[in-house]
Amino acid sequence: MKVLVVDDEQSIVDVLTYNLTKAGHQPIVARDGEQALQRARTDHPDLVILDLMLPGMDGLEVCREIRKEGNLPIIMLTAKDEEIDRVVGLELGADDYVVKPFSVRELMARVKSVLRRARPAPSESAQVLQAGELRLDMSRHEASWRSAPFELTAIQFELLRVLMASPGRVFSREELLDRVWGYDYVGDTRTVDSAVKRLRARLRQVAPDAELVVTVRDAGYKLNDDNT
């Protein structure tokens, strides 16, 4: 897999490129935001590891521009005191984040997890989920509403898959963290809220006459089987 590393700190670039290569990936390096967008467009990476603090165009703007152009998975690198930026980044569509100083082992586990979500395992190849007019095709990693296909990020696709597997069932935020991000994920439930917000906005674009994902107060989220 090609992994675009976007960071202006040479020590971090060296650590990431070494460990990505060791894990069998092909690292690509960009030192600033403008170069990151150029490499994303020309090298077609499978994943971006994106530092928020970059010279020139910052990481949030890079994330915003990448999301305008497609669903390329993004893992953000943030400092401990950048909590607001982490929330904004997730709402812009980043798939995950890791806080600096980070554990290389943790980051590589996140890389593996995000790539797994972006490319379903062969065992899922025949699975199709249908809830009324809403359909997920696992083999093609495609979503459609009333037979019209639409794009989702890897996180949005996996989140919708979990909800569609049990229409009407309420999933707590903690349960969604476990099922979508993985049991070893160290983020908090605001990650779920941001992801659901983005998924709900995307679904409203393609199905404005239906409220497909609803909030159950003090409980969590569910797929609204009344509208599917």
Protein backbone atom coordinates (compact mmCIF):
# COMPACT_ATOMS: atom_id res chain seq x y z
CA MET A 1 0.00 0.00 0.00
CA LYS A 2 1.15 3.55 -0.72
CA VAL A 3 1.13 5.78 2.36
CA LEU A 4 1.62 9.54 2.03
CA VAL A 5 3.46 10.96 5.06
CA VAL A 6 2.94 14.71 5.46
CA ASP A 7 5.20 16.25 8.10
CA ASP A 8 7.96 18.86 8.17
CA GLU A 9 9.87 17.27 11.08
CA GLN A 10 12.65 15.11 9.68
CA SER A 11 12.85 12.88 12.76
CA ILE A 12 9.16 11.97 12.45
CA VAL A 13 9.46 11.41 8.70
CA ASP A 14 12.42 9.09 9.26
CA VAL A 15 10.61 7.04 11.92
CA LEU A 16 7.44 6.73 9.86
CA THR A 17 9.10 5.88 6.55
CA TYR A 18 11.26 3.23 8.24
CA ASN A 19 8.34 1.53 9.99
CA LEU A 20 6.01 1.77 7.02
CA THR A 21 8.63 0.18 4.77
CA LYS A 22 9.24 -2.51 7.38
CA ALA A 23 5.49 -3.25 7.39
CA GLY A 24 5.50 -3.71 3.62
CA HIS A 25 4.10 -0.33 2.62
CA GLN A 26 5.50 2.20 0.16
CA PRO A 27 5.98 5.57 1.90
CA ILE A 28 5.68 8.84 -0.01
CA VAL A 29 6.79 12.06 1.69
CA ALA A 30 5.48 15.64 1.52
CA ARG A 31 6.91 18.47 3.62
CA ASP A 32 4.09 21.02 3.41
CA GLY A 33 0.42 21.30 2.55
CA GLU A 34 0.79 22.30 -1.08
CA GLN A 35 3.16 19.43 -1.77
CA ALA A 36 0.82 17.05 0.07
CA LEU A 37 -2.07 17.90 -2.25
CA GLN A 38 0.16 17.53 -5.29
CA ARG A 39 1.43 14.10 -4.19
CA ALA A 40 -2.10 12.97 -3.27
CA ARG A 41 -3.27 13.84 -6.80
CA THR A 42 -0.32 12.38 -8.71
CA ASP A 43 0.78 9.38 -6.62
CA HIS A 44 -2.69 8.11 -5.66
CA PRO A 45 -1.81 6.86 -2.13
CA ASP A 46 -4.03 4.45 -0.22
CA LEU A 47 -3.69 6.43 3.03
CA VAL A 48 -2.44 9.82 4.27
CA ILE A 49 -0.71 10.38 7.61
CA LEU A 50 -1.19 14.12 8.01
CA ASP A 51 0.40 16.45 10.56
CA LEU A 52 -1.82 19.41 11.44
CA MET A 53 1.03 21.88 12.03
CA LEU A 54 2.53 22.48 8.60
CA PRO A 55 4.24 25.47 7.00
CA GLY A 56 1.96 27.38 4.65
CA MET A 57 -1.31 25.51 4.19
CA ASP A 58 -2.07 23.74 7.48
CA GLY A 59 -3.25 20.18 7.92
CA LEU A 60 -6.90 21.10 8.41
CA GLU A 61 -6.99 22.86 5.05
CA VAL A 62 -5.23 19.91 3.42
CA CYS A 63 -7.83 17.57 4.94
CA ARG A 64 -10.63 19.82 3.68
CA GLU A 65 -9.23 19.86 0.13
CA ILE A 66 -8.65 16.09 0.05
CA ARG A 67 -12.23 15.50 1.18
CA LYS A 68 -13.52 17.73 -1.64
CA GLU A 69 -11.83 15.43 -4.13
CA GLY A 70 -12.58 11.98 -2.75
CA ASN A 71 -12.54 9.53 0.14
CA LEU A 72 -8.82 8.95 0.60
CA PRO A 73 -8.35 7.73 4.22
CA ILE A 74 -6.61 10.22 6.53
CA ILE A 75 -4.92 9.75 9.92
CA MET A 76 -4.12 13.06 11.61
CA LEU A 77 -1.11 13.72 13.82
CA THR A 78 -1.90 16.29 16.52
CA ALA A 79 -0.24 17.76 19.60
CA LYS A 80 -1.66 17.19 23.07
CA ASP A 81 -3.03 20.74 23.34
CA GLU A 82 -4.81 20.67 19.96
CA GLU A 83 -8.09 19.12 21.11
CA ILE A 84 -10.21 21.62 19.17
CA ASP A 85 -8.23 20.91 16.00
CA ARG A 86 -8.76 17.17 16.48
CA VAL A 87 -12.52 17.64 16.70
CA VAL A 88 -12.54 19.95 13.67
CA GLY A 89 -10.38 17.49 11.74
CA LEU A 90 -12.76 14.62 12.47
CA GLU A 91 -15.70 16.75 11.41
CA LEU A 92 -13.88 17.58 8.17
CA GLY A 93 -13.71 13.86 7.48
CA ALA A 94 -10.43 12.54 8.91
CA ASP A 95 -10.71 8.83 9.67
CA ASP A 96 -8.58 8.74 12.81
CA TYR A 97 -6.02 10.70 14.82
CA VAL A 98 -2.89 10.01 16.88
CA VAL A 99 -1.57 12.42 19.51
CA LYS A 100 2.11 13.43 19.57
CA PRO A 101 4.36 12.20 21.03
CA PHE A 102 2.97 8.94 19.71
CA SER A 103 3.82 5.29 20.07
CA VAL A 104 5.02 3.88 16.76
CA ARG A 105 3.29 0.61 17.60
CA GLU A 106 -0.01 2.43 18.17
CA LEU A 107 0.30 4.40 14.94
CA MET A 108 1.07 1.31 12.89
CA ALA A 109 -1.95 -0.41 14.45
CA ARG A 110 -4.08 2.57 13.38
CA VAL A 111 -2.64 2.37 9.85
CA LYS A 112 -3.54 -1.30 9.66
CA SER A 113 -7.03 -0.67 11.02
CA VAL A 114 -7.84 2.21 8.64
CA LEU A 115 -6.56 0.31 5.61
CA ARG A 116 -8.60 -2.73 6.66
CA ARG A 117 -11.76 -0.63 6.80
CA ALA A 118 -10.99 0.94 3.43
CA ARG A 119 -10.47 -2.46 1.79
CA PRO A 120 -12.83 -5.14 3.15
CA ALA A 121 -11.53 -8.63 3.76
CA PRO A 122 -12.18 -11.30 1.08
CA SER A 123 -14.57 -13.09 3.45
CA GLU A 124 -16.93 -10.11 3.11
CA SER A 125 -16.89 -10.17 -0.68
CA ALA A 126 -20.34 -11.72 -1.12
CA GLN A 127 -22.12 -9.71 1.56
CA VAL A 128 -24.81 -7.20 0.62
CA LEU A 129 -26.84 -5.29 3.20
CA GLN A 130 -30.25 -3.89 2.27
CA ALA A 131 -32.51 -1.69 4.40
CA GLY A 132 -35.39 -0.48 2.30
CA GLU A 133 -33.95 1.74 -0.44
CA LEU A 134 -30.53 1.86 1.23
CA ARG A 135 -27.96 -0.71 0.05
CA LEU A 136 -24.34 -1.58 0.85
CA ASP A 137 -22.34 -3.83 -1.46
CA MET A 138 -19.28 -5.14 0.42
CA SER A 139 -17.53 -6.62 -2.61
CA ARG A 140 -17.59 -3.28 -4.42
CA HIS A 141 -17.40 -1.16 -1.27
CA GLU A 142 -20.33 0.81 -2.69
CA ALA A 143 -23.36 2.44 -1.14
CA SER A 144 -26.55 3.30 -3.00
CA TRP A 145 -29.93 4.92 -2.31
CA ARG A 146 -32.82 4.03 -4.60
CA SER A 147 -30.28 2.37 -6.95
CA ALA A 148 -28.20 5.57 -7.23
CA PRO A 149 -24.61 5.00 -5.97
CA PHE A 150 -22.93 7.52 -3.69
CA GLU A 151 -19.50 7.76 -2.07
CA LEU A 152 -18.64 7.34 1.60
CA THR A 153 -15.34 7.51 3.47
CA ALA A 154 -14.03 4.26 4.95
CA ILE A 155 -15.24 5.25 8.43
CA GLN A 156 -18.66 6.30 7.15
CA PHE A 157 -19.03 3.04 5.23
CA GLU A 158 -18.09 0.91 8.25
CA LEU A 159 -20.31 2.91 10.58
CA LEU A 160 -23.26 2.54 8.23
CA ARG A 161 -22.51 -1.18 7.85
CA VAL A 162 -22.77 -1.71 11.61
CA LEU A 163 -26.03 0.25 11.84
CA MET A 164 -27.56 -1.46 8.80
CA ALA A 165 -26.73 -4.91 10.11
CA SER A 166 -29.29 -4.32 12.87
CA PRO A 167 -31.91 -1.78 11.68
CA GLY A 168 -33.72 -0.17 14.59
CA ARG A 169 -31.24 -1.37 17.19
CA VAL A 170 -29.68 1.35 19.34
CA PHE A 171 -25.87 1.27 19.52
CA SER A 172 -24.16 3.13 22.33
CA ARG A 173 -21.21 5.36 21.49
CA GLU A 174 -18.89 2.99 23.33
CA GLU A 175 -20.18 0.03 21.33
CA LEU A 176 -19.67 1.89 18.06
CA LEU A 177 -16.12 2.80 19.11
CA ASP A 178 -15.47 -0.90 19.69
CA ARG A 179 -17.10 -2.15 16.49
CA VAL A 180 -15.93 0.54 14.05
CA TRP A 181 -12.61 1.79 15.42
CA GLY A 182 -11.56 -1.36 17.31
CA TYR A 183 -11.37 -2.49 20.91
CA ASP A 184 -7.88 -1.03 21.37
CA TYR A 185 -8.85 2.45 20.17
CA VAL A 186 -7.82 5.12 22.69
CA GLY A 187 -10.04 7.95 21.45
CA ASP A 188 -13.23 9.14 23.15
CA THR A 189 -16.91 9.14 22.21
CA ARG A 190 -16.64 12.55 20.53
CA THR A 191 -14.97 10.64 17.71
CA VAL A 192 -18.24 8.76 17.22
CA ASP A 193 -20.33 11.94 17.39
CA SER A 194 -18.19 13.62 14.73
CA ALA A 195 -18.33 10.57 12.45
CA VAL A 196 -22.11 10.24 12.82
CA LYS A 197 -22.51 13.95 12.09
CA ARG A 198 -20.56 13.57 8.85
CA LEU A 199 -22.42 10.39 7.88
CA ARG A 200 -25.79 11.98 8.57
CA ALA A 201 -24.89 15.04 6.47
CA ARG A 202 -23.81 12.80 3.60
CA LEU A 203 -27.01 10.76 3.75
CA ARG A 204 -29.10 13.92 3.76
CA GLN A 205 -27.41 14.93 0.51
CA VAL A 206 -28.48 11.73 -1.24
CA ALA A 207 -31.76 11.12 0.63
CA PRO A 208 -33.13 14.53 1.67
CA ASP A 209 -36.61 13.11 2.24
CA ALA A 210 -35.47 10.50 4.78
CA GLU A 211 -33.95 10.67 8.25
CA LEU A 212 -31.84 7.50 8.10
CA VAL A 213 -29.58 7.79 11.16
CA VAL A 214 -31.19 9.10 14.32
CA THR A 215 -30.00 9.94 17.81
CA VAL A 216 -31.63 8.21 20.78
CA ARG A 217 -31.21 10.54 23.74
CA ASP A 218 -28.86 9.26 26.46
CA ALA A 219 -28.50 5.98 24.57
CA GLY A 220 -26.72 6.32 21.22
CA TYR A 221 -27.56 5.99 17.54
CA LYS A 222 -29.61 3.71 15.32
CA LEU A 223 -30.65 3.21 11.71
CA ASN A 224 -34.22 4.46 11.46
CA ASP A 225 -36.04 1.46 10.03
CA ASP A 226 -39.22 3.54 9.68
CA ASN A 227 -37.60 5.46 6.80
CA THR A 228 -35.87 2.58 5.04
